[in-house]
Amino acid sequence: MNKFDKFRNKKILAFAKESPYCMNPMCGKDNNGDIVAAHLNFEKSKGMGTKANDYSIAYLCSKCHIIVDEGYGINMEDKKELMLRSFLNTIRWLFLTGRLKVDKGKKYNF
């Protein structure tokens, strides 16, 4: 087992509350207190007691989170594409706002 197999970090999840909008590029709804950290559950198989790592998240509004979690009206290929684009937007926002930064000599810094 690798040390990143169960990566958990409450701080990176909590940053969702500070996200200005839903990171789904097809949504972009303003954050009215309903943005959450949605895990990319196709990274590992989703099942009882399992969840993707906390570094595999996208900040989504509650509506988009339900769509990707439950798959309403979206096939698996489109779901993966939507989540990957949302993930990239989330990571970009985290870096551009200084919430996530590279610190020489450290593996990660939150």
C-alpha atoms as a PDB file:
ATOM      1  CA  MET A   1       0.000   0.000   0.000  1.00  0.00           C
ATOM      2  CA  ASN A   2       1.294   3.397  -0.968  1.00  0.00           C
ATOM      3  CA  LYS A   3       1.036   6.405   1.389  1.00  0.00           C
ATOM      4  CA  PHE A   4      -1.299   8.188  -1.041  1.00  0.00           C
ATOM      5  CA  ASP A   5      -3.811   5.318  -1.143  1.00  0.00           C
ATOM      6  CA  LYS A   6      -5.928   7.018   1.531  1.00  0.00           C
ATOM      7  CA  PHE A   7      -4.929  10.667   1.310  1.00  0.00           C
ATOM      8  CA  ARG A   8      -7.237  12.765   3.494  1.00  0.00           C
ATOM      9  CA  ASN A   9      -7.016  16.503   4.119  1.00  0.00           C
ATOM     10  CA  LYS A  10      -9.884  18.473   5.694  1.00  0.00           C
ATOM     11  CA  LYS A  11      -8.366  21.781   4.655  1.00  0.00           C
ATOM     12  CA  ILE A  12      -8.477  21.044   0.917  1.00  0.00           C
ATOM     13  CA  LEU A  13     -12.090  19.908   1.285  1.00  0.00           C
ATOM     14  CA  ALA A  14     -12.989  23.059   3.267  1.00  0.00           C
ATOM     15  CA  PHE A  15     -11.644  25.320   0.507  1.00  0.00           C
ATOM     16  CA  ALA A  16     -14.814  24.450  -1.415  1.00  0.00           C
ATOM     17  CA  LYS A  17     -16.652  26.969   0.789  1.00  0.00           C
ATOM     18  CA  GLU A  18     -14.329  29.687  -0.550  1.00  0.00           C
ATOM     19  CA  SER A  19     -14.699  28.734  -4.207  1.00  0.00           C
ATOM     20  CA  PRO A  20     -16.330  31.655  -6.036  1.00  0.00           C
ATOM     21  CA  TYR A  21     -18.405  29.401  -8.299  1.00  0.00           C
ATOM     22  CA  CYS A  22     -19.074  25.835  -9.448  1.00  0.00           C
ATOM     23  CA  MET A  23     -15.960  24.597 -11.259  1.00  0.00           C
ATOM     24  CA  ASN A  24     -18.009  22.650 -13.816  1.00  0.00           C
ATOM     25  CA  PRO A  25     -17.213  24.635 -16.990  1.00  0.00           C
ATOM     26  CA  MET A  26     -20.760  24.009 -18.246  1.00  0.00           C
ATOM     27  CA  CYS A  27     -22.309  25.466 -15.075  1.00  0.00           C
ATOM     28  CA  GLY A  28     -20.282  28.175 -13.312  1.00  0.00           C
ATOM     29  CA  LYS A  29     -23.079  28.933 -10.823  1.00  0.00           C
ATOM     30  CA  ASP A  30     -22.050  31.468  -8.162  1.00  0.00           C
ATOM     31  CA  ASN A  31     -21.283  30.036  -4.739  1.00  0.00           C
ATOM     32  CA  ASN A  32     -24.328  30.636  -2.575  1.00  0.00           C
ATOM     33  CA  GLY A  33     -23.062  28.344   0.150  1.00  0.00           C
ATOM     34  CA  ASP A  34     -23.789  25.167  -1.789  1.00  0.00           C
ATOM     35  CA  ILE A  35     -20.362  24.416  -3.310  1.00  0.00           C
ATOM     36  CA  VAL A  36     -18.887  21.134  -2.081  1.00  0.00           C
ATOM     37  CA  ALA A  37     -15.777  19.077  -2.749  1.00  0.00           C
ATOM     38  CA  ALA A  38     -16.945  16.284  -5.043  1.00  0.00           C
ATOM     39  CA  HIS A  39     -14.593  13.307  -5.234  1.00  0.00           C
ATOM     40  CA  LEU A  40     -13.626  11.836  -8.604  1.00  0.00           C
ATOM     41  CA  ASN A  41     -15.043   8.439  -7.775  1.00  0.00           C
ATOM     42  CA  PHE A  42     -13.883   6.814 -10.981  1.00  0.00           C
ATOM     43  CA  GLU A  43     -10.283   7.090  -9.713  1.00  0.00           C
ATOM     44  CA  LYS A  44     -11.008   4.023  -7.562  1.00  0.00           C
ATOM     45  CA  SER A  45     -14.115   1.937  -7.615  1.00  0.00           C
ATOM     46  CA  LYS A  46     -16.786   3.564  -5.501  1.00  0.00           C
ATOM     47  CA  GLY A  47     -18.257   1.260  -2.948  1.00  0.00           C
ATOM     48  CA  MET A  48     -19.278   1.052   0.653  1.00  0.00           C
ATOM     49  CA  GLY A  49     -16.614   2.667   2.799  1.00  0.00           C
ATOM     50  CA  THR A  50     -14.441   3.683  -0.158  1.00  0.00           C
ATOM     51  CA  LYS A  51     -13.881   7.123  -1.551  1.00  0.00           C
ATOM     52  CA  ALA A  52     -11.359   8.705  -3.872  1.00  0.00           C
ATOM     53  CA  ASN A  53      -8.437  10.565  -2.327  1.00  0.00           C
ATOM     54  CA  ASP A  54      -8.933  14.159  -1.202  1.00  0.00           C
ATOM     55  CA  TYR A  55      -6.503  15.373  -3.871  1.00  0.00           C
ATOM     56  CA  SER A  56      -8.960  14.084  -6.503  1.00  0.00           C
ATOM     57  CA  ILE A  57     -11.763  16.584  -6.040  1.00  0.00           C
ATOM     58  CA  ALA A  58     -13.725  19.196  -7.921  1.00  0.00           C
ATOM     59  CA  TYR A  59     -15.640  22.037  -6.302  1.00  0.00           C
ATOM     60  CA  LEU A  60     -19.197  21.661  -7.585  1.00  0.00           C
ATOM     61  CA  CYS A  61     -22.611  23.099  -6.780  1.00  0.00           C
ATOM     62  CA  SER A  62     -25.071  20.676  -5.231  1.00  0.00           C
ATOM     63  CA  LYS A  63     -26.911  20.170  -8.550  1.00  0.00           C
ATOM     64  CA  CYS A  64     -23.732  19.263 -10.480  1.00  0.00           C
ATOM     65  CA  HIS A  65     -22.560  17.046  -7.621  1.00  0.00           C
ATOM     66  CA  ILE A  66     -25.789  15.030  -7.793  1.00  0.00           C
ATOM     67  CA  ILE A  67     -25.513  14.754 -11.587  1.00  0.00           C
ATOM     68  CA  VAL A  68     -21.992  13.312 -11.475  1.00  0.00           C
ATOM     69  CA  ASP A  69     -22.590  11.185  -8.379  1.00  0.00           C
ATOM     70  CA  GLU A  70     -25.875   9.674  -9.509  1.00  0.00           C
ATOM     71  CA  GLY A  71     -25.261   9.886 -13.247  1.00  0.00           C
ATOM     72  CA  TYR A  72     -28.659  11.401 -14.087  1.00  0.00           C
ATOM     73  CA  GLY A  73     -28.832  11.857 -17.843  1.00  0.00           C
ATOM     74  CA  ILE A  74     -25.104  11.477 -18.389  1.00  0.00           C
ATOM     75  CA  ASN A  75     -23.103   8.512 -19.647  1.00  0.00           C
ATOM     76  CA  MET A  76     -19.842   7.404 -18.025  1.00  0.00           C
ATOM     77  CA  GLU A  77     -17.615   8.907 -20.727  1.00  0.00           C
ATOM     78  CA  ASP A  78     -19.289  12.339 -20.440  1.00  0.00           C
ATOM     79  CA  LYS A  79     -19.227  12.087 -16.640  1.00  0.00           C
ATOM     80  CA  LYS A  80     -15.458  11.481 -16.677  1.00  0.00           C
ATOM     81  CA  GLU A  81     -14.914  14.386 -19.081  1.00  0.00           C
ATOM     82  CA  LEU A  82     -17.024  16.733 -16.938  1.00  0.00           C
ATOM     83  CA  MET A  83     -15.239  15.696 -13.741  1.00  0.00           C
ATOM     84  CA  LEU A  84     -11.769  15.978 -15.270  1.00  0.00           C
ATOM     85  CA  ARG A  85     -12.463  19.486 -16.577  1.00  0.00           C
ATOM     86  CA  SER A  86     -13.965  20.460 -13.211  1.00  0.00           C
ATOM     87  CA  PHE A  87     -10.956  18.956 -11.411  1.00  0.00           C
ATOM     88  CA  LEU A  88      -8.534  20.957 -13.581  1.00  0.00           C
ATOM     89  CA  ASN A  89     -10.498  24.165 -12.954  1.00  0.00           C
ATOM     90  CA  THR A  90     -10.418  23.452  -9.210  1.00  0.00           C
ATOM     91  CA  ILE A  91      -6.667  22.794  -9.143  1.00  0.00           C
ATOM     92  CA  ARG A  92      -6.037  25.906 -11.268  1.00  0.00           C
ATOM     93  CA  TRP A  93      -8.099  28.036  -8.849  1.00  0.00           C
ATOM     94  CA  LEU A  94      -6.302  26.546  -5.818  1.00  0.00           C
ATOM     95  CA  PHE A  95      -2.885  27.427  -7.292  1.00  0.00           C
ATOM     96  CA  LEU A  96      -3.822  30.861  -8.682  1.00  0.00           C
ATOM     97  CA  THR A  97      -5.291  31.955  -5.344  1.00  0.00           C
ATOM     98  CA  GLY A  98      -2.302  30.670  -3.364  1.00  0.00           C
ATOM     99  CA  ARG A  99      -4.330  28.108  -1.437  1.00  0.00           C
ATOM    100  CA  LEU A 100      -2.186  25.354  -2.909  1.00  0.00           C
ATOM    101  CA  LYS A 101       1.486  26.041  -3.507  1.00  0.00           C
ATOM    102  CA  VAL A 102       4.725  24.281  -4.190  1.00  0.00           C
ATOM    103  CA  ASP A 103       7.202  24.683  -1.389  1.00  0.00           C
ATOM    104  CA  LYS A 104      10.737  23.575  -2.169  1.00  0.00           C
ATOM    105  CA  GLY A 105      11.743  20.780   0.166  1.00  0.00           C
ATOM    106  CA  LYS A 106       8.184  19.773   1.021  1.00  0.00           C
ATOM    107  CA  LYS A 107       6.004  17.290  -0.793  1.00  0.00           C
ATOM    108  CA  TYR A 108       2.850  19.387  -0.432  1.00  0.00           C
ATOM    109  CA  ASN A 109       1.700  22.451   1.414  1.00  0.00           C
ATOM    110  CA  PHE A 110      -1.895  23.367   2.334  1.00  0.00           C
END
